[in-house]
Amino acid sequence: MQKITNAADSEVEKVKALIRDADPEGDRFAKVFRETYYLLYNGQKTGRYRWEQLYKTEKTHFGTLIEIAIRHEFAEIIDDGIQKHLDYRIAGIDVDCKFSMNKGSWMIPVEAENEIIIGLHSSDEDSCFSVCVERASSDKLTKGGNRDRKRTFTRSARSGIDWIFDDAPLPVNRLLHLSEGAREKIFANRSGQKRVNEFFRQALGLVINREDIATVAKQRDYMKRVRGNGGARTALAAEGIIILTGKYMRQMEIAEQLAGVKLRSDELIALRVVSVSNSHGGRGAVTIDGQSWRVATSTDPIVQAPISF
């Protein structure tokens, strides 16, 4: 085992600084966690959207998937570890990657004691994630271990963790966070197209991920169910609803002007709109096809919405 020295502590700070520089706002870690949840749910084929729906073996596999995903996302700062029992090499320093559903409860094997770990935690239910870099020194670990001799951080050690990201926001799993009644209305439809249409109705004004749509549609070309020419854009336009995606700059601008949201490339939002001439108030207007539109209020009439932007 590596002896703890002042130099070893400086290694922790070096790794921590490099990670902060690579992802100052946490957007990249948030993306990796969100994508890993969706990958494990495999909603397009299974219809699953929550942690409790996974098998025990799948839950165990999450830590491996997130470790691999981080390796790919941060390839510019992460290499493979030289020591076989450690996952990464960052700034010439070998580190191990540990994930736990319970914050700070990483299982540390004997061979990783006194080594540096990247400690990870996330909760889809609470829409948050946490990341830290710590040395798993013996004095920070519990005296007793499990039958594999793995130990965890003591309560005192957990309270002293210097988190890089502490319960930082995770992009919302929209299906998970809709009401049970809303989900029942969505999945009551046998047609994938009708489920997608109802999803946008139930999530009106809320950001939706493409993977949420894949889970609802359960079809190979699920985004076809969103577009015009017979998709949700066409069906919902008669109800005054427009669907915007972060894939296109103009639609991103409209979403920000009307709803104050900045869509990522894999995100969408449905809004009920009304022409300014028919409006009784509401948010600032935006021009579409030469006409001014704003987000409709509950007292505004339902008017035909534009389909192309």
Protein backbone atom coordinates (compact mmCIF):
# COMPACT_ATOMS: atom_id res chain seq x y z
CA MET A 1 0.00 0.00 0.00
CA GLN A 2 1.09 3.54 -0.71
CA LYS A 3 2.32 5.52 2.27
CA ILE A 4 0.43 8.78 2.84
CA THR A 5 2.64 11.85 2.52
CA ASN A 6 2.21 15.56 1.89
CA ALA A 7 3.05 14.85 -1.74
CA ALA A 8 0.19 12.36 -1.88
CA ASP A 9 -2.22 15.04 -0.62
CA SER A 10 -1.00 17.38 -3.34
CA GLU A 11 -1.83 14.63 -5.84
CA VAL A 12 -5.46 14.76 -4.71
CA GLU A 13 -5.52 18.50 -5.31
CA LYS A 14 -3.87 18.08 -8.71
CA VAL A 15 -6.50 15.56 -9.88
CA LYS A 16 -9.28 17.68 -8.43
CA ALA A 17 -8.07 20.82 -10.20
CA LEU A 18 -7.81 19.05 -13.54
CA ILE A 19 -11.39 17.76 -13.27
CA ARG A 20 -12.67 21.21 -12.31
CA ASP A 21 -10.89 22.75 -15.30
CA ALA A 22 -12.35 20.11 -17.64
CA ASP A 23 -15.92 20.62 -16.40
CA PRO A 24 -16.26 23.88 -14.44
CA GLU A 25 -20.08 23.92 -14.43
CA GLY A 26 -20.68 20.18 -14.20
CA ASP A 27 -22.47 20.01 -17.55
CA ARG A 28 -20.36 17.11 -18.81
CA PHE A 29 -20.83 15.02 -15.69
CA ALA A 30 -24.57 15.77 -15.76
CA LYS A 31 -24.72 14.59 -19.37
CA VAL A 32 -22.83 11.37 -18.58
CA PHE A 33 -25.06 10.49 -15.63
CA ARG A 34 -28.25 11.24 -17.60
CA GLU A 35 -27.14 9.16 -20.59
CA THR A 36 -26.07 6.26 -18.38
CA TYR A 37 -29.46 6.07 -16.68
CA TYR A 38 -31.18 6.03 -20.08
CA LEU A 39 -28.75 3.41 -21.38
CA LEU A 40 -29.53 1.10 -18.47
CA TYR A 41 -33.31 1.65 -18.63
CA ASN A 42 -33.25 0.89 -22.39
CA GLY A 43 -36.71 2.45 -22.53
CA GLN A 44 -37.13 2.21 -26.29
CA LYS A 45 -37.25 -1.59 -25.97
CA THR A 46 -38.39 -2.13 -22.39
CA GLY A 47 -40.59 0.88 -21.59
CA ARG A 48 -38.70 1.33 -18.30
CA TYR A 49 -37.96 4.78 -16.88
CA ARG A 50 -37.18 4.34 -13.18
CA TRP A 51 -34.49 2.72 -11.03
CA GLU A 52 -36.91 0.39 -9.24
CA GLN A 53 -37.82 -1.27 -12.55
CA LEU A 54 -34.27 -2.57 -13.04
CA TYR A 55 -33.08 -6.05 -12.12
CA LYS A 56 -30.57 -6.35 -9.28
CA THR A 57 -27.78 -7.31 -11.68
CA GLU A 58 -28.52 -4.24 -13.82
CA LYS A 59 -28.32 -1.94 -10.81
CA THR A 60 -24.93 -3.42 -9.95
CA HIS A 61 -23.81 -2.76 -13.53
CA PHE A 62 -24.47 1.00 -13.25
CA GLY A 63 -21.11 1.65 -11.60
CA THR A 64 -19.25 -0.05 -14.45
CA LEU A 65 -21.23 1.83 -17.10
CA ILE A 66 -20.65 5.23 -15.48
CA GLU A 67 -16.94 4.47 -15.10
CA ILE A 68 -16.67 3.68 -18.84
CA ALA A 69 -18.78 6.69 -19.83
CA ILE A 70 -16.60 9.07 -17.81
CA ARG A 71 -13.48 7.56 -19.39
CA HIS A 72 -14.85 8.36 -22.87
CA GLU A 73 -16.28 11.79 -22.02
CA PHE A 74 -13.05 13.01 -20.40
CA ALA A 75 -10.61 11.27 -22.74
CA GLU A 76 -8.50 14.43 -22.92
CA ILE A 77 -7.51 14.11 -19.24
CA ILE A 78 -8.05 10.40 -18.45
CA ASP A 79 -5.82 7.50 -19.48
CA ASP A 80 -5.97 3.87 -18.42
CA GLY A 81 -4.46 3.19 -15.01
CA ILE A 82 -1.01 1.58 -14.92
CA GLN A 83 -1.85 -0.37 -11.77
CA LYS A 84 -4.26 -3.15 -12.74
CA HIS A 85 -6.49 -2.68 -9.69
CA LEU A 86 -7.12 1.03 -10.45
CA ASP A 87 -9.33 2.40 -13.22
CA TYR A 88 -7.83 5.67 -14.47
CA ARG A 89 -4.63 7.66 -14.74
CA ILE A 90 -5.06 11.45 -14.48
CA ALA A 91 -2.11 13.85 -14.62
CA GLY A 92 0.21 10.87 -14.24
CA ILE A 93 -1.61 9.73 -11.08
CA ASP A 94 -3.50 6.43 -10.81
CA VAL A 95 -7.01 6.78 -9.39
CA ASP A 96 -9.98 4.47 -8.84
CA CYS A 97 -13.59 5.26 -9.79
CA LYS A 98 -16.26 4.40 -7.23
CA PHE A 99 -20.04 4.81 -7.49
CA SER A 100 -22.63 4.41 -4.75
CA MET A 101 -26.38 4.98 -4.70
CA ASN A 102 -25.97 6.02 -1.05
CA LYS A 103 -23.95 9.21 -0.96
CA GLY A 104 -20.41 8.63 0.30
CA SER A 105 -20.92 4.89 0.90
CA TRP A 106 -18.31 3.60 -1.53
CA MET A 107 -16.96 0.11 -0.90
CA ILE A 108 -13.17 0.28 -0.69
CA PRO A 109 -11.30 -3.02 -1.23
CA VAL A 110 -8.01 -3.71 0.53
CA GLU A 111 -5.97 -3.04 -2.63
CA ALA A 112 -7.51 0.45 -2.99
CA GLU A 113 -6.80 1.59 0.57
CA ASN A 114 -4.64 4.72 0.66
CA GLU A 115 -5.27 5.25 -3.06
CA ILE A 116 -7.07 8.20 -4.64
CA ILE A 117 -10.68 7.66 -5.64
CA ILE A 118 -13.17 9.62 -7.72
CA GLY A 119 -16.30 9.21 -5.61
CA LEU A 120 -19.61 9.37 -7.47
CA HIS A 121 -23.25 9.50 -6.40
CA SER A 122 -26.48 10.25 -8.24
CA SER A 123 -30.23 10.05 -7.78
CA ASP A 124 -32.69 10.03 -10.66
CA GLU A 125 -35.51 10.47 -8.15
CA ASP A 126 -33.96 13.67 -6.76
CA SER A 127 -32.46 14.79 -10.10
CA CYS A 128 -28.99 15.35 -8.66
CA PHE A 129 -25.42 14.04 -8.79
CA SER A 130 -22.24 14.45 -6.74
CA VAL A 131 -18.53 14.08 -7.55
CA CYS A 132 -15.48 14.23 -5.30
CA VAL A 133 -11.80 13.30 -5.30
CA GLU A 134 -10.56 11.81 -2.03
CA ARG A 135 -7.79 9.62 -0.75
CA ALA A 136 -9.17 6.45 0.80
CA SER A 137 -6.65 6.55 3.62
CA SER A 138 -6.94 3.97 6.37
CA ASP A 139 -7.77 6.57 9.00
CA LYS A 140 -10.86 7.60 6.98
CA LEU A 141 -12.23 4.07 6.72
CA THR A 142 -14.38 2.04 9.11
CA LYS A 143 -12.57 -0.50 11.29
CA GLY A 144 -14.71 -3.43 10.26
CA GLY A 145 -15.42 -4.54 6.70
CA ASN A 146 -17.77 -6.90 4.92
CA ARG A 147 -16.92 -10.52 4.14
CA ASP A 148 -14.82 -9.33 1.16
CA ARG A 149 -12.90 -7.07 3.59
CA LYS A 150 -14.22 -3.97 1.86
CA ARG A 151 -14.58 -0.91 4.06
CA THR A 152 -16.44 2.40 3.76
CA PHE A 153 -15.72 5.98 4.76
CA THR A 154 -16.56 6.78 8.38
CA ARG A 155 -19.32 9.26 9.15
CA SER A 156 -16.68 11.81 10.14
CA ALA A 157 -14.78 11.28 6.88
CA ARG A 158 -17.96 11.66 4.83
CA SER A 159 -18.81 14.93 6.53
CA GLY A 160 -15.34 16.25 5.67
CA ILE A 161 -15.51 15.53 1.93
CA ASP A 162 -14.68 18.50 -0.29
CA TRP A 163 -17.19 17.90 -3.08
CA ILE A 164 -16.41 19.16 -6.58
CA PHE A 165 -20.15 18.91 -7.29
CA ASP A 166 -22.49 18.43 -4.35
CA ASP A 167 -26.08 17.48 -5.30
CA ALA A 168 -25.64 19.34 -8.58
CA PRO A 169 -28.69 19.35 -10.90
CA LEU A 170 -29.19 16.33 -13.13
CA PRO A 171 -31.33 16.82 -16.27
CA VAL A 172 -34.82 15.71 -15.30
CA ASN A 173 -36.17 12.28 -16.21
CA ARG A 174 -39.49 13.70 -17.33
CA LEU A 175 -41.52 10.48 -17.33
CA LEU A 176 -40.37 9.69 -13.80
CA HIS A 177 -41.39 13.11 -12.52
CA LEU A 178 -44.84 13.32 -14.09
CA SER A 179 -47.77 12.42 -11.86
CA GLU A 180 -49.05 8.85 -11.86
CA GLY A 181 -52.29 10.12 -13.37
CA ALA A 182 -50.42 11.78 -16.23
CA ARG A 183 -48.47 8.59 -16.96
CA GLU A 184 -51.67 6.55 -16.94
CA LYS A 185 -53.19 8.85 -19.57
CA ILE A 186 -50.08 8.50 -21.73
CA PHE A 187 -49.77 4.72 -21.57
CA ALA A 188 -53.51 4.11 -21.88
CA ASN A 189 -53.03 4.56 -25.63
CA ARG A 190 -52.10 1.48 -27.65
CA SER A 191 -50.74 3.56 -30.53
CA GLY A 192 -47.17 4.85 -30.20
CA GLN A 193 -48.17 8.06 -31.99
CA LYS A 194 -51.07 8.69 -29.62
CA ARG A 195 -48.82 8.05 -26.61
CA VAL A 196 -46.33 10.63 -27.88
CA ASN A 197 -49.12 13.16 -28.51
CA GLU A 198 -50.46 12.66 -24.99
CA PHE A 199 -46.95 12.89 -23.53
CA PHE A 200 -46.53 16.39 -24.95
CA ARG A 201 -49.95 17.38 -23.60
CA GLN A 202 -49.14 16.12 -20.11
CA ALA A 203 -45.65 17.67 -20.13
CA LEU A 204 -46.73 21.02 -21.56
CA GLY A 205 -44.16 23.70 -20.75
CA LEU A 206 -41.65 21.17 -19.41
CA VAL A 207 -38.32 20.13 -20.96
CA ILE A 208 -38.33 16.60 -22.41
CA ASN A 209 -35.38 14.45 -23.46
CA ARG A 210 -35.38 12.50 -26.72
CA GLU A 211 -34.95 9.32 -24.69
CA ASP A 212 -38.21 10.04 -22.87
CA ILE A 213 -39.93 10.06 -26.25
CA ALA A 214 -38.21 6.80 -27.23
CA THR A 215 -39.57 5.19 -24.06
CA VAL A 216 -43.10 6.41 -24.74
CA ALA A 217 -43.12 5.55 -28.46
CA LYS A 218 -41.29 2.19 -28.17
CA GLN A 219 -40.58 2.39 -31.89
CA ARG A 220 -37.37 2.44 -33.91
CA ASP A 221 -37.93 5.81 -35.63
CA TYR A 222 -39.43 7.44 -32.54
CA MET A 223 -38.56 11.02 -33.57
CA LYS A 224 -40.81 10.58 -36.60
CA ARG A 225 -43.66 10.66 -34.07
CA VAL A 226 -42.66 14.22 -33.15
CA ARG A 227 -42.30 15.82 -36.58
CA GLY A 228 -44.88 17.37 -38.89
CA ASN A 229 -46.40 15.39 -41.75
CA GLY A 230 -48.61 13.38 -39.42
CA GLY A 231 -46.54 13.45 -36.22
CA ALA A 232 -47.22 15.27 -32.95
CA ARG A 233 -46.45 18.69 -34.44
CA THR A 234 -49.29 18.25 -36.91
CA ALA A 235 -51.74 16.70 -34.44
CA LEU A 236 -51.17 19.22 -31.65
CA ALA A 237 -51.06 22.35 -33.81
CA ALA A 238 -54.86 22.31 -33.87
CA GLU A 239 -54.74 22.57 -30.05
CA GLY A 240 -52.46 25.61 -30.26
CA ILE A 241 -49.36 23.62 -29.28
CA ILE A 242 -45.92 24.00 -30.86
CA ILE A 243 -43.01 21.61 -30.29
CA LEU A 244 -39.48 23.03 -30.21
CA THR A 245 -36.15 21.19 -30.20
CA GLY A 246 -32.65 22.22 -29.18
CA LYS A 247 -31.29 20.60 -32.32
CA TYR A 248 -31.97 23.74 -34.38
CA MET A 249 -30.77 27.23 -33.50
CA ARG A 250 -33.99 29.02 -34.50
CA GLN A 251 -36.12 26.73 -32.36
CA MET A 252 -33.68 27.13 -29.46
CA GLU A 253 -34.09 30.90 -29.73
CA ILE A 254 -37.89 30.65 -29.79
CA ALA A 255 -37.88 28.40 -26.71
CA GLU A 256 -35.67 30.83 -24.82
CA GLN A 257 -37.75 33.85 -25.85
CA LEU A 258 -41.10 32.26 -25.04
CA ALA A 259 -40.33 30.01 -22.07
CA GLY A 260 -36.96 31.22 -20.80
CA VAL A 261 -35.33 27.79 -21.22
CA LYS A 262 -32.08 26.90 -22.98
CA LEU A 263 -32.64 23.58 -24.70
CA ARG A 264 -29.78 21.13 -25.15
CA SER A 265 -29.47 19.42 -28.52
CA ASP A 266 -31.29 16.32 -27.22
CA GLU A 267 -34.13 18.23 -25.54
CA LEU A 268 -37.58 19.41 -26.61
CA ILE A 269 -40.42 21.46 -25.16
CA ALA A 270 -44.11 21.79 -26.06
CA LEU A 271 -45.82 25.15 -25.52
CA ARG A 272 -49.38 26.29 -26.09
CA VAL A 273 -49.21 29.59 -27.93
CA VAL A 274 -51.60 32.26 -29.08
CA SER A 275 -51.20 35.07 -31.59
CA VAL A 276 -50.68 38.44 -29.94
CA SER A 277 -53.84 39.79 -31.60
CA ASN A 278 -55.88 37.14 -29.72
CA SER A 279 -53.91 37.29 -26.48
CA HIS A 280 -55.05 38.41 -23.03
CA GLY A 281 -51.50 38.80 -21.72
CA GLY A 282 -48.55 36.51 -20.98
CA ARG A 283 -44.84 36.32 -21.80
CA GLY A 284 -42.96 38.32 -24.41
CA ALA A 285 -43.78 37.69 -28.04
CA VAL A 286 -41.77 36.08 -30.84
CA THR A 287 -42.29 36.37 -34.58
CA ILE A 288 -43.00 33.17 -36.53
CA ASP A 289 -43.85 33.37 -40.24
CA GLY A 290 -44.46 37.10 -39.96
CA GLN A 291 -46.92 36.80 -37.06
CA SER A 292 -46.33 37.54 -33.37
CA TRP A 293 -46.94 34.73 -30.90
CA ARG A 294 -46.72 34.39 -27.13
CA VAL A 295 -47.26 31.60 -24.60
CA ALA A 296 -50.99 31.27 -24.00
CA THR A 297 -52.59 31.77 -20.61
CA SER A 298 -55.49 29.70 -19.32
CA THR A 299 -57.93 32.40 -20.46
CA ASP A 300 -56.59 32.64 -24.02
CA PRO A 301 -58.54 30.96 -26.83
CA ILE A 302 -57.23 27.87 -28.60
CA VAL A 303 -55.98 28.83 -32.06
CA GLN A 304 -54.18 26.93 -34.81
CA ALA A 305 -50.45 27.02 -34.05
CA PRO A 306 -47.66 27.24 -36.64
CA ILE A 307 -46.00 23.95 -37.59
CA SER A 308 -42.80 25.15 -39.31
CA PHE A 309 -40.35 27.65 -37.84
